[in-house]
Amino acid sequence: MGIRMVIELPDRGSAQTVVQALEAYKVRLRASIARTKRRLATFETRYGVDTTRFLHEMAAEDLHGGDLEYVEWAGEAKLLERLEAELRELEHASYHIS
């Protein structure tokens, strides 16, 4: 069983505004996911290795850009995880206006 959240609003129009805001946020999450995947693909192409292998096998010394590039690549990978998790949570949420 999931968590149930009740939001009381003054009218149906207000409820629609909340639903539209949630949908717009999901659109922004999808755009952020696509942008982050493009950034990861840039690193993967540059070094000929996928992000999973990078995270498990490589160190900053293995990258031309050193520490900064390592932190950027690892940060993008972590960001992608968080964005995808948040989108999954919202995609599984249901809402009913009554």
PDB file of N, CA and C in Angstrom:
ATOM      1  N   MET A   1       0.842  -1.186   0.000  1.00  0.00           N
ATOM      2  CA  MET A   1       0.000   0.000   0.000  1.00  0.00           C
ATOM      3  C   MET A   1       0.882   1.242   0.000  1.00  0.00           C
ATOM      4  N   GLY A   2       0.498   2.202  -0.763  1.00  0.00           N
ATOM      5  CA  GLY A   2       1.255   3.435  -0.856  1.00  0.00           C
ATOM      6  C   GLY A   2       0.772   4.468   0.136  1.00  0.00           C
ATOM      7  N   ILE A   3       1.392   5.594   0.083  1.00  0.00           N
ATOM      8  CA  ILE A   3       1.028   6.739   0.913  1.00  0.00           C
ATOM      9  C   ILE A   3      -0.068   7.512   0.207  1.00  0.00           C
ATOM     10  N   ARG A   4      -1.014   7.968   0.951  1.00  0.00           N
ATOM     11  CA  ARG A   4      -2.088   8.788   0.388  1.00  0.00           C
ATOM     12  C   ARG A   4      -1.926  10.205   0.921  1.00  0.00           C
ATOM     13  N   MET A   5      -1.985  11.179   0.025  1.00  0.00           N
ATOM     14  CA  MET A   5      -1.863  12.574   0.408  1.00  0.00           C
ATOM     15  C   MET A   5      -3.112  13.306  -0.066  1.00  0.00           C
ATOM     16  N   VAL A   6      -3.703  14.055   0.807  1.00  0.00           N
ATOM     17  CA  VAL A   6      -4.909  14.809   0.464  1.00  0.00           C
ATOM     18  C   VAL A   6      -4.578  16.294   0.498  1.00  0.00           C
ATOM     19  N   ILE A   7      -4.921  16.974  -0.582  1.00  0.00           N
ATOM     20  CA  ILE A   7      -4.750  18.425  -0.658  1.00  0.00           C
ATOM     21  C   ILE A   7      -6.129  19.022  -0.898  1.00  0.00           C
ATOM     22  N   GLU A   8      -6.570  19.866  -0.019  1.00  0.00           N
ATOM     23  CA  GLU A   8      -7.862  20.511  -0.199  1.00  0.00           C
ATOM     24  C   GLU A   8      -7.656  21.883  -0.826  1.00  0.00           C
ATOM     25  N   LEU A   9      -8.367  22.100  -1.911  1.00  0.00           N
ATOM     26  CA  LEU A   9      -8.250  23.357  -2.648  1.00  0.00           C
ATOM     27  C   LEU A   9      -9.638  23.979  -2.773  1.00  0.00           C
ATOM     28  N   PRO A  10      -9.704  25.274  -3.015  1.00  0.00           N
ATOM     29  CA  PRO A  10     -11.003  25.952  -3.017  1.00  0.00           C
ATOM     30  C   PRO A  10     -11.925  25.568  -4.179  1.00  0.00           C
ATOM     31  N   ASP A  11     -11.344  25.155  -5.302  1.00  0.00           N
ATOM     32  CA  ASP A  11     -12.199  24.841  -6.452  1.00  0.00           C
ATOM     33  C   ASP A  11     -11.455  23.947  -7.447  1.00  0.00           C
ATOM     34  N   ARG A  12     -12.192  23.479  -8.442  1.00  0.00           N
ATOM     35  CA  ARG A  12     -11.644  22.586  -9.457  1.00  0.00           C
ATOM     36  C   ARG A  12     -10.516  23.254 -10.251  1.00  0.00           C
ATOM     37  N   GLY A  13     -10.630  24.538 -10.495  1.00  0.00           N
ATOM     38  CA  GLY A  13      -9.590  25.260 -11.227  1.00  0.00           C
ATOM     39  C   GLY A  13      -8.259  25.222 -10.496  1.00  0.00           C
ATOM     40  N   SER A  14      -8.306  25.353  -9.186  1.00  0.00           N
ATOM     41  CA  SER A  14      -7.079  25.274  -8.389  1.00  0.00           C
ATOM     42  C   SER A  14      -6.476  23.875  -8.471  1.00  0.00           C
ATOM     43  N   ALA A  15      -7.335  22.879  -8.469  1.00  0.00           N
ATOM     44  CA  ALA A  15      -6.855  21.497  -8.584  1.00  0.00           C
ATOM     45  C   ALA A  15      -6.178  21.284  -9.935  1.00  0.00           C
ATOM     46  N   GLN A  16      -6.770  21.823 -10.981  1.00  0.00           N
ATOM     47  CA  GLN A  16      -6.183  21.707 -12.315  1.00  0.00           C
ATOM     48  C   GLN A  16      -4.826  22.397 -12.367  1.00  0.00           C
ATOM     49  N   THR A  17      -4.692  23.515 -11.679  1.00  0.00           N
ATOM     50  CA  THR A  17      -3.418  24.231 -11.633  1.00  0.00           C
ATOM     51  C   THR A  17      -2.337  23.356 -11.008  1.00  0.00           C
ATOM     52  N   VAL A  18      -2.684  22.658  -9.938  1.00  0.00           N
ATOM     53  CA  VAL A  18      -1.719  21.766  -9.276  1.00  0.00           C
ATOM     54  C   VAL A  18      -1.338  20.623 -10.214  1.00  0.00           C
ATOM     55  N   VAL A  19      -2.307  20.027 -10.878  1.00  0.00           N
ATOM     56  CA  VAL A  19      -2.034  18.928 -11.812  1.00  0.00           C
ATOM     57  C   VAL A  19      -1.145  19.423 -12.956  1.00  0.00           C
ATOM     58  N   GLN A  20      -1.451  20.592 -13.493  1.00  0.00           N
ATOM     59  CA  GLN A  20      -0.638  21.155 -14.577  1.00  0.00           C
ATOM     60  C   GLN A  20       0.794  21.431 -14.107  1.00  0.00           C
ATOM     61  N   ALA A  21       0.943  21.890 -12.889  1.00  0.00           N
ATOM     62  CA  ALA A  21       2.278  22.150 -12.348  1.00  0.00           C
ATOM     63  C   ALA A  21       3.067  20.854 -12.233  1.00  0.00           C
ATOM     64  N   LEU A  22       2.425  19.788 -11.780  1.00  0.00           N
ATOM     65  CA  LEU A  22       3.098  18.488 -11.696  1.00  0.00           C
ATOM     66  C   LEU A  22       3.505  17.997 -13.079  1.00  0.00           C
ATOM     67  N   GLU A  23       2.632  18.135 -14.041  1.00  0.00           N
ATOM     68  CA  GLU A  23       2.944  17.707 -15.408  1.00  0.00           C
ATOM     69  C   GLU A  23       4.078  18.536 -16.001  1.00  0.00           C
ATOM     70  N   ALA A  24       4.056  19.837 -15.752  1.00  0.00           N
ATOM     71  CA  ALA A  24       5.128  20.703 -16.258  1.00  0.00           C
ATOM     72  C   ALA A  24       6.456  20.338 -15.610  1.00  0.00           C
ATOM     73  N   TYR A  25       6.436  19.985 -14.332  1.00  0.00           N
ATOM     74  CA  TYR A  25       7.662  19.593 -13.654  1.00  0.00           C
ATOM     75  C   TYR A  25       8.219  18.302 -14.246  1.00  0.00           C
ATOM     76  N   LYS A  26       7.333  17.371 -14.578  1.00  0.00           N
ATOM     77  CA  LYS A  26       7.791  16.124 -15.217  1.00  0.00           C
ATOM     78  C   LYS A  26       8.430  16.412 -16.572  1.00  0.00           C
ATOM     79  N   VAL A  27       7.882  17.350 -17.310  1.00  0.00           N
ATOM     80  CA  VAL A  27       8.468  17.738 -18.599  1.00  0.00           C
ATOM     81  C   VAL A  27       9.872  18.294 -18.369  1.00  0.00           C
ATOM     82  N   ARG A  28      10.023  19.145 -17.363  1.00  0.00           N
ATOM     83  CA  ARG A  28      11.352  19.706 -17.068  1.00  0.00           C
ATOM     84  C   ARG A  28      12.328  18.620 -16.611  1.00  0.00           C
ATOM     85  N   LEU A  29      11.842  17.661 -15.849  1.00  0.00           N
ATOM     86  CA  LEU A  29      12.710  16.552 -15.441  1.00  0.00           C
ATOM     87  C   LEU A  29      13.182  15.765 -16.661  1.00  0.00           C
ATOM     88  N   ARG A  30      12.277  15.481 -17.586  1.00  0.00           N
ATOM     89  CA  ARG A  30      12.661  14.742 -18.797  1.00  0.00           C
ATOM     90  C   ARG A  30      13.700  15.517 -19.601  1.00  0.00           C
ATOM     91  N   ALA A  31      13.532  16.831 -19.701  1.00  0.00           N
ATOM     92  CA  ALA A  31      14.506  17.660 -20.422  1.00  0.00           C
ATOM     93  C   ALA A  31      15.854  17.639 -19.707  1.00  0.00           C
ATOM     94  N   SER A  32      15.850  17.692 -18.400  1.00  0.00           N
ATOM     95  CA  SER A  32      17.093  17.640 -17.632  1.00  0.00           C
ATOM     96  C   SER A  32      17.777  16.289 -17.785  1.00  0.00           C
ATOM     97  N   ILE A  33      16.996  15.227 -17.824  1.00  0.00           N
ATOM     98  CA  ILE A  33      17.547  13.883 -18.024  1.00  0.00           C
ATOM     99  C   ILE A  33      18.217  13.796 -19.395  1.00  0.00           C
ATOM    100  N   ALA A  34      17.545  14.301 -20.416  1.00  0.00           N
ATOM    101  CA  ALA A  34      18.117  14.273 -21.769  1.00  0.00           C
ATOM    102  C   ALA A  34      19.410  15.076 -21.837  1.00  0.00           C
ATOM    103  N   ARG A  35      19.418  16.251 -21.221  1.00  0.00           N
ATOM    104  CA  ARG A  35      20.612  17.100 -21.216  1.00  0.00           C
ATOM    105  C   ARG A  35      21.766  16.403 -20.469  1.00  0.00           C
ATOM    106  N   THR A  36      21.461  15.788 -19.354  1.00  0.00           N
ATOM    107  CA  THR A  36      22.489  15.093 -18.574  1.00  0.00           C
ATOM    108  C   THR A  36      23.029  13.890 -19.340  1.00  0.00           C
ATOM    109  N   LYS A  37      22.170  13.168 -20.031  1.00  0.00           N
ATOM    110  CA  LYS A  37      22.630  12.034 -20.843  1.00  0.00           C
ATOM    111  C   LYS A  37      23.551  12.504 -21.968  1.00  0.00           C
ATOM    112  N   ARG A  38      23.242  13.661 -22.551  1.00  0.00           N
ATOM    113  CA  ARG A  38      24.120  14.207 -23.593  1.00  0.00           C
ATOM    114  C   ARG A  38      25.497  14.546 -23.014  1.00  0.00           C
ATOM    115  N   ARG A  39      25.511  15.123 -21.826  1.00  0.00           N
ATOM    116  CA  ARG A  39      26.794  15.447 -21.190  1.00  0.00           C
ATOM    117  C   ARG A  39      27.587  14.178 -20.889  1.00  0.00           C
ATOM    118  N   LEU A  40      26.899  13.145 -20.407  1.00  0.00           N
ATOM    119  CA  LEU A  40      27.577  11.876 -20.137  1.00  0.00           C
ATOM    120  C   LEU A  40      28.113  11.276 -21.425  1.00  0.00           C
ATOM    121  N   ALA A  41      27.333  11.363 -22.496  1.00  0.00           N
ATOM    122  CA  ALA A  41      27.771  10.820 -23.782  1.00  0.00           C
ATOM    123  C   ALA A  41      29.035  11.509 -24.280  1.00  0.00           C
ATOM    124  N   THR A  42      29.173  12.784 -23.987  1.00  0.00           N
ATOM    125  CA  THR A  42      30.381  13.518 -24.373  1.00  0.00           C
ATOM    126  C   THR A  42      31.606  12.923 -23.687  1.00  0.00           C
ATOM    127  N   PHE A  43      31.502  12.674 -22.386  1.00  0.00           N
ATOM    128  CA  PHE A  43      32.606  12.050 -21.650  1.00  0.00           C
ATOM    129  C   PHE A  43      32.883  10.638 -22.179  1.00  0.00           C
ATOM    130  N   GLU A  44      31.815   9.872 -22.408  1.00  0.00           N
ATOM    131  CA  GLU A  44      31.972   8.498 -22.873  1.00  0.00           C
ATOM    132  C   GLU A  44      32.668   8.447 -24.228  1.00  0.00           C
ATOM    133  N   THR A  45      32.308   9.358 -25.113  1.00  0.00           N
ATOM    134  CA  THR A  45      32.941   9.419 -26.428  1.00  0.00           C
ATOM    135  C   THR A  45      34.406   9.825 -26.309  1.00  0.00           C
ATOM    136  N   ARG A  46      34.667  10.823 -25.489  1.00  0.00           N
ATOM    137  CA  ARG A  46      36.028  11.326 -25.323  1.00  0.00           C
ATOM    138  C   ARG A  46      36.978  10.236 -24.810  1.00  0.00           C
ATOM    139  N   TYR A  47      36.496   9.409 -23.894  1.00  0.00           N
ATOM    140  CA  TYR A  47      37.371   8.411 -23.268  1.00  0.00           C
ATOM    141  C   TYR A  47      37.107   6.975 -23.721  1.00  0.00           C
ATOM    142  N   GLY A  48      36.105   6.773 -24.565  1.00  0.00           N
ATOM    143  CA  GLY A  48      35.828   5.444 -25.096  1.00  0.00           C
ATOM    144  C   GLY A  48      35.400   4.437 -24.044  1.00  0.00           C
ATOM    145  N   VAL A  49      34.716   4.904 -23.025  1.00  0.00           N
ATOM    146  CA  VAL A  49      34.286   4.031 -21.939  1.00  0.00           C
ATOM    147  C   VAL A  49      32.915   4.509 -21.448  1.00  0.00           C
ATOM    148  N   ASP A  50      32.051   3.568 -21.079  1.00  0.00           N
ATOM    149  CA  ASP A  50      30.749   3.999 -20.597  1.00  0.00           C
ATOM    150  C   ASP A  50      30.842   4.464 -19.144  1.00  0.00           C
ATOM    151  N   THR A  51      29.827   5.155 -18.713  1.00  0.00           N
ATOM    152  CA  THR A  51      29.844   5.776 -17.390  1.00  0.00           C
ATOM    153  C   THR A  51      29.934   4.749 -16.273  1.00  0.00           C
ATOM    154  N   THR A  52      29.281   3.617 -16.421  1.00  0.00           N
ATOM    155  CA  THR A  52      29.344   2.590 -15.382  1.00  0.00           C
ATOM    156  C   THR A  52      30.776   2.112 -15.187  1.00  0.00           C
ATOM    157  N   ARG A  53      31.458   1.841 -16.285  1.00  0.00           N
ATOM    158  CA  ARG A  53      32.862   1.411 -16.184  1.00  0.00           C
ATOM    159  C   ARG A  53      33.721   2.528 -15.599  1.00  0.00           C
ATOM    160  N   PHE A  54      33.481   3.752 -16.042  1.00  0.00           N
ATOM    161  CA  PHE A  54      34.225   4.897 -15.500  1.00  0.00           C
ATOM    162  C   PHE A  54      34.110   4.934 -13.976  1.00  0.00           C
ATOM    163  N   LEU A  55      32.886   4.822 -13.469  1.00  0.00           N
ATOM    164  CA  LEU A  55      32.666   4.932 -12.029  1.00  0.00           C
ATOM    165  C   LEU A  55      33.338   3.807 -11.247  1.00  0.00           C
ATOM    166  N   HIS A  56      33.423   2.631 -11.846  1.00  0.00           N
ATOM    167  CA  HIS A  56      33.974   1.472 -11.132  1.00  0.00           C
ATOM    168  C   HIS A  56      35.472   1.265 -11.330  1.00  0.00           C
ATOM    169  N   GLU A  57      36.010   1.759 -12.425  1.00  0.00           N
ATOM    170  CA  GLU A  57      37.386   1.393 -12.753  1.00  0.00           C
ATOM    171  C   GLU A  57      38.366   2.548 -12.929  1.00  0.00           C
ATOM    172  N   MET A  58      37.879   3.758 -13.045  1.00  0.00           N
ATOM    173  CA  MET A  58      38.787   4.843 -13.384  1.00  0.00           C
ATOM    174  C   MET A  58      38.996   5.801 -12.209  1.00  0.00           C
ATOM    175  N   ALA A  59      40.100   6.512 -12.258  1.00  0.00           N
ATOM    176  CA  ALA A  59      40.432   7.534 -11.262  1.00  0.00           C
ATOM    177  C   ALA A  59      40.727   8.839 -11.985  1.00  0.00           C
ATOM    178  N   ALA A  60      40.821   9.907 -11.237  1.00  0.00           N
ATOM    179  CA  ALA A  60      41.082  11.217 -11.834  1.00  0.00           C
ATOM    180  C   ALA A  60      42.348  11.210 -12.682  1.00  0.00           C
ATOM    181  N   GLU A  61      43.319  10.433 -12.280  1.00  0.00           N
ATOM    182  CA  GLU A  61      44.589  10.368 -13.016  1.00  0.00           C
ATOM    183  C   GLU A  61      44.417   9.795 -14.421  1.00  0.00           C
ATOM    184  N   ASP A  62      43.317   9.071 -14.645  1.00  0.00           N
ATOM    185  CA  ASP A  62      43.063   8.472 -15.954  1.00  0.00           C
ATOM    186  C   ASP A  62      42.478   9.469 -16.956  1.00  0.00           C
ATOM    187  N   LEU A  63      42.092  10.640 -16.496  1.00  0.00           N
ATOM    188  CA  LEU A  63      41.429  11.627 -17.350  1.00  0.00           C
ATOM    189  C   LEU A  63      42.366  12.774 -17.679  1.00  0.00           C
ATOM    190  N   HIS A  64      42.257  13.262 -18.908  1.00  0.00           N
ATOM    191  CA  HIS A  64      43.088  14.390 -19.340  1.00  0.00           C
ATOM    192  C   HIS A  64      42.853  15.612 -18.461  1.00  0.00           C
ATOM    193  N   GLY A  65      41.607  15.819 -18.048  1.00  0.00           N
ATOM    194  CA  GLY A  65      41.255  16.985 -17.244  1.00  0.00           C
ATOM    195  C   GLY A  65      41.471  16.793 -15.757  1.00  0.00           C
ATOM    196  N   GLY A  66      41.944  15.632 -15.348  1.00  0.00           N
ATOM    197  CA  GLY A  66      42.254  15.372 -13.949  1.00  0.00           C
ATOM    198  C   GLY A  66      41.053  15.439 -13.026  1.00  0.00           C
ATOM    199  N   ASP A  67      41.294  15.978 -11.832  1.00  0.00           N
ATOM    200  CA  ASP A  67      40.270  16.000 -10.787  1.00  0.00           C
ATOM    201  C   ASP A  67      38.987  16.693 -11.220  1.00  0.00           C
ATOM    202  N   LEU A  68      39.124  17.836 -11.862  1.00  0.00           N
ATOM    203  CA  LEU A  68      37.935  18.592 -12.254  1.00  0.00           C
ATOM    204  C   LEU A  68      37.051  17.783 -13.193  1.00  0.00           C
ATOM    205  N   GLU A  69      37.642  17.161 -14.179  1.00  0.00           N
ATOM    206  CA  GLU A  69      36.859  16.382 -15.136  1.00  0.00           C
ATOM    207  C   GLU A  69      36.253  15.150 -14.467  1.00  0.00           C
ATOM    208  N   TYR A  70      36.996  14.538 -13.556  1.00  0.00           N
ATOM    209  CA  TYR A  70      36.476  13.379 -12.821  1.00  0.00           C
ATOM    210  C   TYR A  70      35.235  13.788 -12.018  1.00  0.00           C
ATOM    211  N   VAL A  71      35.343  14.894 -11.307  1.00  0.00           N
ATOM    212  CA  VAL A  71      34.230  15.372 -10.484  1.00  0.00           C
ATOM    213  C   VAL A  71      33.033  15.724 -11.365  1.00  0.00           C
ATOM    214  N   GLU A  72      33.276  16.339 -12.505  1.00  0.00           N
ATOM    215  CA  GLU A  72      32.176  16.686 -13.414  1.00  0.00           C
ATOM    216  C   GLU A  72      31.468  15.438 -13.923  1.00  0.00           C
ATOM    217  N   TRP A  73      32.236  14.450 -14.386  1.00  0.00           N
ATOM    218  CA  TRP A  73      31.639  13.223 -14.932  1.00  0.00           C
ATOM    219  C   TRP A  73      30.882  12.478 -13.840  1.00  0.00           C
ATOM    220  N   ALA A  74      31.501  12.298 -12.703  1.00  0.00           N
ATOM    221  CA  ALA A  74      30.840  11.586 -11.596  1.00  0.00           C
ATOM    222  C   ALA A  74      29.605  12.354 -11.124  1.00  0.00           C
ATOM    223  N   GLY A  75      29.711  13.680 -11.101  1.00  0.00           N
ATOM    224  CA  GLY A  75      28.571  14.494 -10.692  1.00  0.00           C
ATOM    225  C   GLY A  75      27.404  14.378 -11.647  1.00  0.00           C
ATOM    226  N   GLU A  76      27.689  14.357 -12.934  1.00  0.00           N
ATOM    227  CA  GLU A  76      26.624  14.183 -13.927  1.00  0.00           C
ATOM    228  C   GLU A  76      25.960  12.815 -13.768  1.00  0.00           C
ATOM    229  N   ALA A  77      26.757  11.791 -13.494  1.00  0.00           N
ATOM    230  CA  ALA A  77      26.197  10.447 -13.301  1.00  0.00           C
ATOM    231  C   ALA A  77      25.273  10.421 -12.088  1.00  0.00           C
ATOM    232  N   LYS A  78      25.692  11.049 -10.996  1.00  0.00           N
ATOM    233  CA  LYS A  78      24.872  11.101  -9.783  1.00  0.00           C
ATOM    234  C   LYS A  78      23.609  11.918 -10.022  1.00  0.00           C
ATOM    235  N   LEU A  79      23.746  13.024 -10.734  1.00  0.00           N
ATOM    236  CA  LEU A  79      22.587  13.851 -11.062  1.00  0.00           C
ATOM    237  C   LEU A  79      21.574  13.048 -11.867  1.00  0.00           C
ATOM    238  N   LEU A  80      22.046  12.284 -12.846  1.00  0.00           N
ATOM    239  CA  LEU A  80      21.140  11.469 -13.661  1.00  0.00           C
ATOM    240  C   LEU A  80      20.375  10.483 -12.794  1.00  0.00           C
ATOM    241  N   GLU A  81      21.060   9.840 -11.870  1.00  0.00           N
ATOM    242  CA  GLU A  81      20.380   8.903 -10.960  1.00  0.00           C
ATOM    243  C   GLU A  81      19.253   9.595 -10.204  1.00  0.00           C
ATOM    244  N   ARG A  82      19.544  10.766  -9.649  1.00  0.00           N
ATOM    245  CA  ARG A  82      18.535  11.488  -8.859  1.00  0.00           C
ATOM    246  C   ARG A  82      17.356  11.940  -9.725  1.00  0.00           C
ATOM    247  N   LEU A  83      17.659  12.469 -10.908  1.00  0.00           N
ATOM    248  CA  LEU A  83      16.592  12.925 -11.797  1.00  0.00           C
ATOM    249  C   LEU A  83      15.691  11.780 -12.216  1.00  0.00           C
ATOM    250  N   GLU A  84      16.291  10.655 -12.592  1.00  0.00           N
ATOM    251  CA  GLU A  84      15.490   9.506 -13.020  1.00  0.00           C
ATOM    252  C   GLU A  84      14.663   8.949 -11.867  1.00  0.00           C
ATOM    253  N   ALA A  85      15.214   8.925 -10.659  1.00  0.00           N
ATOM    254  CA  ALA A  85      14.471   8.438  -9.493  1.00  0.00           C
ATOM    255  C   ALA A  85      13.275   9.345  -9.206  1.00  0.00           C
ATOM    256  N   GLU A  86      13.492  10.644  -9.283  1.00  0.00           N
ATOM    257  CA  GLU A  86      12.406  11.587  -9.030  1.00  0.00           C
ATOM    258  C   GLU A  86      11.307  11.453 -10.077  1.00  0.00           C
ATOM    259  N   LEU A  87      11.702  11.296 -11.334  1.00  0.00           N
ATOM    260  CA  LEU A  87      10.700  11.135 -12.388  1.00  0.00           C
ATOM    261  C   LEU A  87       9.920   9.841 -12.192  1.00  0.00           C
ATOM    262  N   ARG A  88      10.612   8.765 -11.833  1.00  0.00           N
ATOM    263  CA  ARG A  88       9.916   7.486 -11.571  1.00  0.00           C
ATOM    264  C   ARG A  88       8.869   7.658 -10.476  1.00  0.00           C
ATOM    265  N   GLU A  89       9.242   8.341  -9.411  1.00  0.00           N
ATOM    266  CA  GLU A  89       8.295   8.554  -8.309  1.00  0.00           C
ATOM    267  C   GLU A  89       7.063   9.313  -8.787  1.00  0.00           C
ATOM    268  N   LEU A  90       7.274  10.365  -9.563  1.00  0.00           N
ATOM    269  CA  LEU A  90       6.140  11.144 -10.048  1.00  0.00           C
ATOM    270  C   LEU A  90       5.313  10.384 -11.070  1.00  0.00           C
ATOM    271  N   GLU A  91       5.973   9.561 -11.889  1.00  0.00           N
ATOM    272  CA  GLU A  91       5.240   8.775 -12.889  1.00  0.00           C
ATOM    273  C   GLU A  91       4.334   7.737 -12.225  1.00  0.00           C
ATOM    274  N   HIS A  92       4.702   7.281 -11.043  1.00  0.00           N
ATOM    275  CA  HIS A  92       3.898   6.279 -10.338  1.00  0.00           C
ATOM    276  C   HIS A  92       2.844   6.905  -9.433  1.00  0.00           C
ATOM    277  N   ALA A  93       2.879   8.209  -9.305  1.00  0.00           N
ATOM    278  CA  ALA A  93       1.870   8.892  -8.486  1.00  0.00           C
ATOM    279  C   ALA A  93       0.573   8.987  -9.282  1.00  0.00           C
ATOM    280  N   SER A  94      -0.519   8.879  -8.585  1.00  0.00           N
ATOM    281  CA  SER A  94      -1.811   9.069  -9.244  1.00  0.00           C
ATOM    282  C   SER A  94      -2.556  10.150  -8.483  1.00  0.00           C
ATOM    283  N   TYR A  95      -3.382  10.872  -9.200  1.00  0.00           N
ATOM    284  CA  TYR A  95      -4.178  11.897  -8.557  1.00  0.00           C
ATOM    285  C   TYR A  95      -5.561  11.908  -9.181  1.00  0.00           C
ATOM    286  N   HIS A  96      -6.513  12.188  -8.332  1.00  0.00           N
ATOM    287  CA  HIS A  96      -7.923  12.184  -8.739  1.00  0.00           C
ATOM    288  C   HIS A  96      -8.577  13.464  -8.228  1.00  0.00           C
ATOM    289  N   ILE A  97      -9.277  14.124  -9.089  1.00  0.00           N
ATOM    290  CA  ILE A  97      -9.979  15.340  -8.717  1.00  0.00           C
ATOM    291  C   ILE A  97     -11.438  14.980  -8.497  1.00  0.00           C
ATOM    292  N   SER A  98     -11.933  15.315  -7.321  1.00  0.00           N
ATOM    293  CA  SER A  98     -13.354  15.007  -7.045  1.00  0.00           C
ATOM    294  C   SER A  98     -14.042  16.187  -6.396  1.00  0.00           C
TER     295      SER A  98
END
